[in-house]
Amino acid sequence: MPETATRAQDSQSERTAAAKPRGVLYYLGMGVSAGLLALVLLVGAIVIAIPAIAGATPLTVLTSSMEPGLPPGTLIVVKPIETNDIVLGDVLTYQIESGKAGVITHRVTEIINSSDGSRTFTLKGDNNDAADDLPVLPVQVVGKLWYSVPWIGYVSNYVNGESRSWLVPVIAIGLFIYAGFMLMSGIVSSVRTRKRARIQAEHDALSGDPRAQNADTIEDAAATIAESEDKPVRSR
């Protein structure tokens, strides 16, 4: 069999192998990677970005007092509210003692307006039989429930706890590495595709020229044709 025919078959085999469709596992891995990335970004937005932009506070429900609507582990995001705007049925987060960290999130069941213009609020957990022991003063109100997401509260606790100092940078670095990997993979794939396309175009252009039949490579074939035409050969 002539060498040119052998080279043509080898080139065709390489193109066939390159064009072979990727397997299910490849696409499954890509889908899982994209899903994990989207999940990390979503959790980051819900737990950190959105509350920070809106001046809200993410908290975690730890007891069953607001079941079934807000079971333990639910992430709640509490947004500041003017106490004059509070109405019956609002779910408020308030400080157990003004100025201290401990808070409770319950529903407003009664509003008392005093003659001096001040207001106090009676709150009760949806799952509790009785209202909270003491009325809530405006100074105790942290904010009103803005939105909630089931089960993510434990993630919020972890991210906003002592681990936040190292966990957030690690996640950010991981996302940058992943983005860099995907970018480099795309560049390498694009370069390989263009190279195969160039080789194929040159092969198709030279294979029909009798002056290139005895050449060992495409570059040699191009040189042979260029010499016969007395034209300079461009280096590749």
Protein backbone atom coordinates (compact mmCIF):
# COMPACT_ATOMS: atom_id res chain seq x y z
CA MET A 1 0.00 0.00 0.00
CA PRO A 2 1.44 3.45 -0.90
CA GLU A 3 2.70 5.57 1.97
CA THR A 4 0.34 8.43 1.11
CA ALA A 5 -2.64 6.09 1.43
CA THR A 6 -1.34 4.83 4.78
CA ARG A 7 -0.88 8.37 6.06
CA ALA A 8 -4.36 9.27 4.87
CA GLN A 9 -5.83 6.30 6.76
CA ASP A 10 -3.88 7.21 9.91
CA SER A 11 -5.09 10.80 9.67
CA GLN A 12 -8.65 9.61 9.19
CA SER A 13 -8.33 7.30 12.22
CA GLU A 14 -7.06 10.17 14.38
CA ARG A 15 -9.94 12.38 13.30
CA THR A 16 -12.44 9.61 14.00
CA ALA A 17 -11.02 9.07 17.48
CA ALA A 18 -11.05 12.82 18.20
CA ALA A 19 -14.62 13.11 17.03
CA LYS A 20 -15.79 10.18 19.16
CA PRO A 21 -18.57 11.35 21.47
CA ARG A 22 -17.73 11.54 25.16
CA GLY A 23 -19.28 8.99 27.46
CA VAL A 24 -22.17 9.37 29.88
CA LEU A 25 -19.79 9.49 32.86
CA TYR A 26 -18.06 12.57 31.42
CA TYR A 27 -21.29 14.50 31.09
CA LEU A 28 -22.50 13.19 34.45
CA GLY A 29 -19.31 14.47 36.09
CA MET A 30 -19.68 17.84 34.41
CA GLY A 31 -23.30 18.04 35.56
CA VAL A 32 -22.40 17.17 39.15
CA SER A 33 -19.59 19.74 39.16
CA ALA A 34 -21.86 22.45 37.79
CA GLY A 35 -24.56 21.51 40.30
CA LEU A 36 -22.17 21.68 43.25
CA LEU A 37 -20.85 25.04 42.09
CA ALA A 38 -24.40 26.39 41.74
CA LEU A 39 -25.30 25.05 45.19
CA VAL A 40 -22.27 26.68 46.83
CA LEU A 41 -23.07 29.99 45.13
CA LEU A 42 -26.74 29.76 46.13
CA VAL A 43 -25.97 29.00 49.78
CA GLY A 44 -23.40 31.79 49.83
CA ALA A 45 -25.93 34.24 48.42
CA ILE A 46 -28.70 33.20 50.83
CA VAL A 47 -26.54 33.05 53.94
CA ILE A 48 -24.05 35.88 53.36
CA ALA A 49 -24.56 38.11 50.32
CA ILE A 50 -28.28 38.94 50.39
CA PRO A 51 -28.49 39.60 54.15
CA ALA A 52 -25.32 41.74 54.02
CA ILE A 53 -26.64 43.85 51.13
CA ALA A 54 -30.06 44.35 52.76
CA GLY A 55 -28.74 44.95 56.28
CA ALA A 56 -30.60 41.86 57.48
CA THR A 57 -29.56 39.21 60.01
CA PRO A 58 -29.47 35.44 59.29
CA LEU A 59 -30.51 33.30 62.26
CA THR A 60 -31.23 29.64 62.88
CA VAL A 61 -34.40 28.25 64.48
CA LEU A 62 -33.26 25.96 67.30
CA THR A 63 -36.56 25.00 68.97
CA SER A 64 -39.94 23.66 67.86
CA SER A 65 -41.95 26.64 69.15
CA MET A 66 -42.75 27.86 65.61
CA GLU A 67 -43.58 24.53 64.02
CA PRO A 68 -44.82 23.57 61.53
CA GLY A 69 -43.96 26.72 59.60
CA LEU A 70 -40.45 27.19 61.03
CA PRO A 71 -39.11 23.84 62.27
CA PRO A 72 -35.68 23.50 63.92
CA GLY A 73 -32.82 23.97 61.48
CA THR A 74 -34.65 26.55 59.39
CA LEU A 75 -32.65 29.56 58.26
CA ILE A 76 -34.56 32.78 58.90
CA VAL A 77 -33.44 36.18 57.66
CA VAL A 78 -34.68 39.03 59.82
CA LYS A 79 -34.91 42.54 58.41
CA PRO A 80 -35.11 45.69 60.58
CA ILE A 81 -38.59 47.23 60.83
CA GLU A 82 -40.03 50.40 62.29
CA THR A 83 -42.03 49.38 65.34
CA ASN A 84 -44.92 51.62 64.22
CA ASP A 85 -45.21 49.42 61.10
CA ILE A 86 -45.66 46.19 63.06
CA VAL A 87 -49.10 44.60 62.68
CA LEU A 88 -50.85 41.56 64.13
CA GLY A 89 -49.56 38.32 62.63
CA ASP A 90 -46.03 39.57 61.96
CA VAL A 91 -43.24 37.19 62.96
CA LEU A 92 -40.71 39.17 64.97
CA THR A 93 -37.31 38.43 66.41
CA TYR A 94 -36.71 40.17 69.71
CA GLN A 95 -34.03 40.25 72.38
CA ILE A 96 -34.93 38.41 75.55
CA GLU A 97 -33.10 41.16 77.42
CA SER A 98 -32.44 44.45 75.68
CA GLY A 99 -28.82 44.76 74.56
CA LYS A 100 -28.02 41.06 75.05
CA ALA A 101 -27.45 38.38 72.44
CA GLY A 102 -30.26 35.92 73.25
CA VAL A 103 -33.26 36.24 70.92
CA ILE A 104 -36.66 34.66 70.33
CA THR A 105 -38.67 34.54 67.11
CA HIS A 106 -42.44 34.41 67.65
CA ARG A 107 -45.65 35.79 66.15
CA VAL A 108 -47.38 39.00 67.25
CA THR A 109 -50.75 38.18 68.79
CA GLU A 110 -51.55 41.48 70.49
CA ILE A 111 -50.47 45.12 70.23
CA ILE A 112 -51.05 47.52 73.10
CA ASN A 113 -50.98 51.25 72.34
CA SER A 114 -50.53 53.39 75.45
CA SER A 115 -51.89 56.89 75.92
CA ASP A 116 -48.36 58.29 75.78
CA GLY A 117 -47.95 56.91 72.25
CA SER A 118 -45.72 53.99 73.17
CA ARG A 119 -46.42 50.42 72.02
CA THR A 120 -45.81 47.02 73.49
CA PHE A 121 -46.27 43.65 71.81
CA THR A 122 -47.46 40.26 72.96
CA LEU A 123 -45.89 37.37 71.07
CA LYS A 124 -46.54 33.66 71.00
CA GLY A 125 -44.96 30.67 69.31
CA ASP A 126 -47.26 28.99 66.78
CA ASN A 127 -46.66 25.66 68.52
CA ASN A 128 -46.97 27.01 72.07
CA ASP A 129 -50.10 26.90 74.21
CA ALA A 130 -49.46 30.22 75.93
CA ALA A 131 -48.08 33.62 74.99
CA ASP A 132 -44.62 34.71 76.06
CA ASP A 133 -44.37 35.73 79.71
CA LEU A 134 -43.49 39.39 79.25
CA PRO A 135 -44.63 42.01 76.72
CA VAL A 136 -41.98 43.05 74.21
CA LEU A 137 -40.80 46.66 74.16
CA PRO A 138 -39.85 48.43 70.92
CA VAL A 139 -36.20 48.58 72.02
CA GLN A 140 -36.11 44.79 72.12
CA VAL A 141 -37.27 44.29 68.53
CA VAL A 142 -34.49 43.10 66.24
CA GLY A 143 -36.60 42.85 63.11
CA LYS A 144 -39.33 41.12 61.14
CA LEU A 145 -39.05 37.78 59.37
CA TRP A 146 -38.11 38.47 55.73
CA TYR A 147 -37.63 34.97 54.31
CA SER A 148 -36.81 31.46 55.49
CA VAL A 149 -35.16 28.38 54.01
CA PRO A 150 -35.59 24.92 55.59
CA TRP A 151 -32.50 23.11 56.92
CA ILE A 152 -29.94 25.66 55.76
CA GLY A 153 -29.88 27.19 59.22
CA TYR A 154 -27.26 24.72 60.39
CA VAL A 155 -25.07 25.73 57.45
CA SER A 156 -25.55 29.36 58.43
CA ASN A 157 -24.51 28.57 62.01
CA TYR A 158 -21.34 26.92 60.74
CA VAL A 159 -20.47 29.68 58.30
CA ASN A 160 -21.18 32.48 60.76
CA GLY A 161 -19.48 30.77 63.70
CA GLU A 162 -15.80 30.48 64.54
CA SER A 163 -15.12 28.65 61.28
CA ARG A 164 -16.13 31.67 59.17
CA SER A 165 -12.60 33.14 59.43
CA TRP A 166 -11.19 30.29 57.36
CA LEU A 167 -14.21 28.68 55.65
CA VAL A 168 -15.22 31.66 53.50
CA PRO A 169 -11.67 32.21 52.09
CA VAL A 170 -11.34 28.48 51.40
CA ILE A 171 -14.62 28.45 49.48
CA ALA A 172 -13.57 31.55 47.53
CA ILE A 173 -10.19 30.02 46.64
CA GLY A 174 -11.89 26.78 45.63
CA LEU A 175 -14.26 28.64 43.32
CA PHE A 176 -11.36 30.53 41.72
CA ILE A 177 -9.47 27.26 41.17
CA TYR A 178 -12.55 25.64 39.67
CA ALA A 179 -13.18 28.61 37.39
CA GLY A 180 -9.52 28.60 36.29
CA PHE A 181 -9.66 24.88 35.56
CA MET A 182 -12.80 25.27 33.46
CA LEU A 183 -11.26 28.23 31.59
CA MET A 184 -8.03 26.36 30.83
CA SER A 185 -9.96 23.26 29.76
CA GLY A 186 -11.98 25.38 27.34
CA ILE A 187 -8.84 27.02 25.92
CA VAL A 188 -7.03 23.69 25.46
CA SER A 189 -10.09 22.15 23.83
CA SER A 190 -10.43 25.14 21.49
CA VAL A 191 -6.75 25.00 20.49
CA ARG A 192 -6.94 21.27 19.79
CA THR A 193 -10.11 21.71 17.72
CA ARG A 194 -8.52 24.48 15.64
CA LYS A 195 -5.35 22.44 15.13
CA ARG A 196 -7.32 19.43 13.93
CA ALA A 197 -9.34 21.66 11.62
CA ARG A 198 -6.14 23.22 10.18
CA ILE A 199 -4.52 19.82 9.63
CA GLN A 200 -7.64 18.51 7.97
CA ALA A 201 -7.90 21.57 5.70
CA GLU A 202 -4.25 21.27 4.69
CA HIS A 203 -4.56 17.55 4.14
CA ASP A 204 -7.61 18.02 1.95
CA ALA A 205 -5.82 20.75 -0.01
CA LEU A 206 -2.64 18.71 -0.56
CA SER A 207 -3.97 15.19 -0.96
CA GLY A 208 -5.22 15.87 -4.45
CA ASP A 209 -1.94 17.42 -5.68
CA PRO A 210 0.35 14.84 -7.41
CA ARG A 211 3.44 16.86 -6.41
CA ALA A 212 2.78 15.97 -2.72
CA GLN A 213 2.36 12.20 -3.11
CA ASN A 214 5.90 11.28 -2.01
CA ALA A 215 6.02 13.66 0.95
CA ASP A 216 6.22 12.15 4.44
CA THR A 217 4.39 14.96 6.24
CA ILE A 218 1.99 17.76 5.43
CA GLU A 219 4.78 20.28 5.99
CA ASP A 220 7.03 18.42 3.51
CA ALA A 221 4.18 18.33 1.03
CA ALA A 222 3.67 22.07 1.39
CA ALA A 223 7.41 22.64 0.88
CA THR A 224 7.46 20.44 -2.23
CA ILE A 225 4.56 22.30 -3.80
CA ALA A 226 6.03 25.67 -2.85
CA GLU A 227 9.40 24.78 -4.40
CA SER A 228 7.74 23.62 -7.59
CA GLU A 229 5.91 26.91 -7.76
CA ASP A 230 9.00 28.86 -6.72
CA LYS A 231 7.16 30.34 -3.74
CA PRO A 232 8.51 30.84 -0.17
CA VAL A 233 7.26 28.43 2.46
CA ARG A 234 5.82 29.96 5.59
CA SER A 235 7.20 28.48 8.79
CA ARG A 236 4.63 26.93 11.10
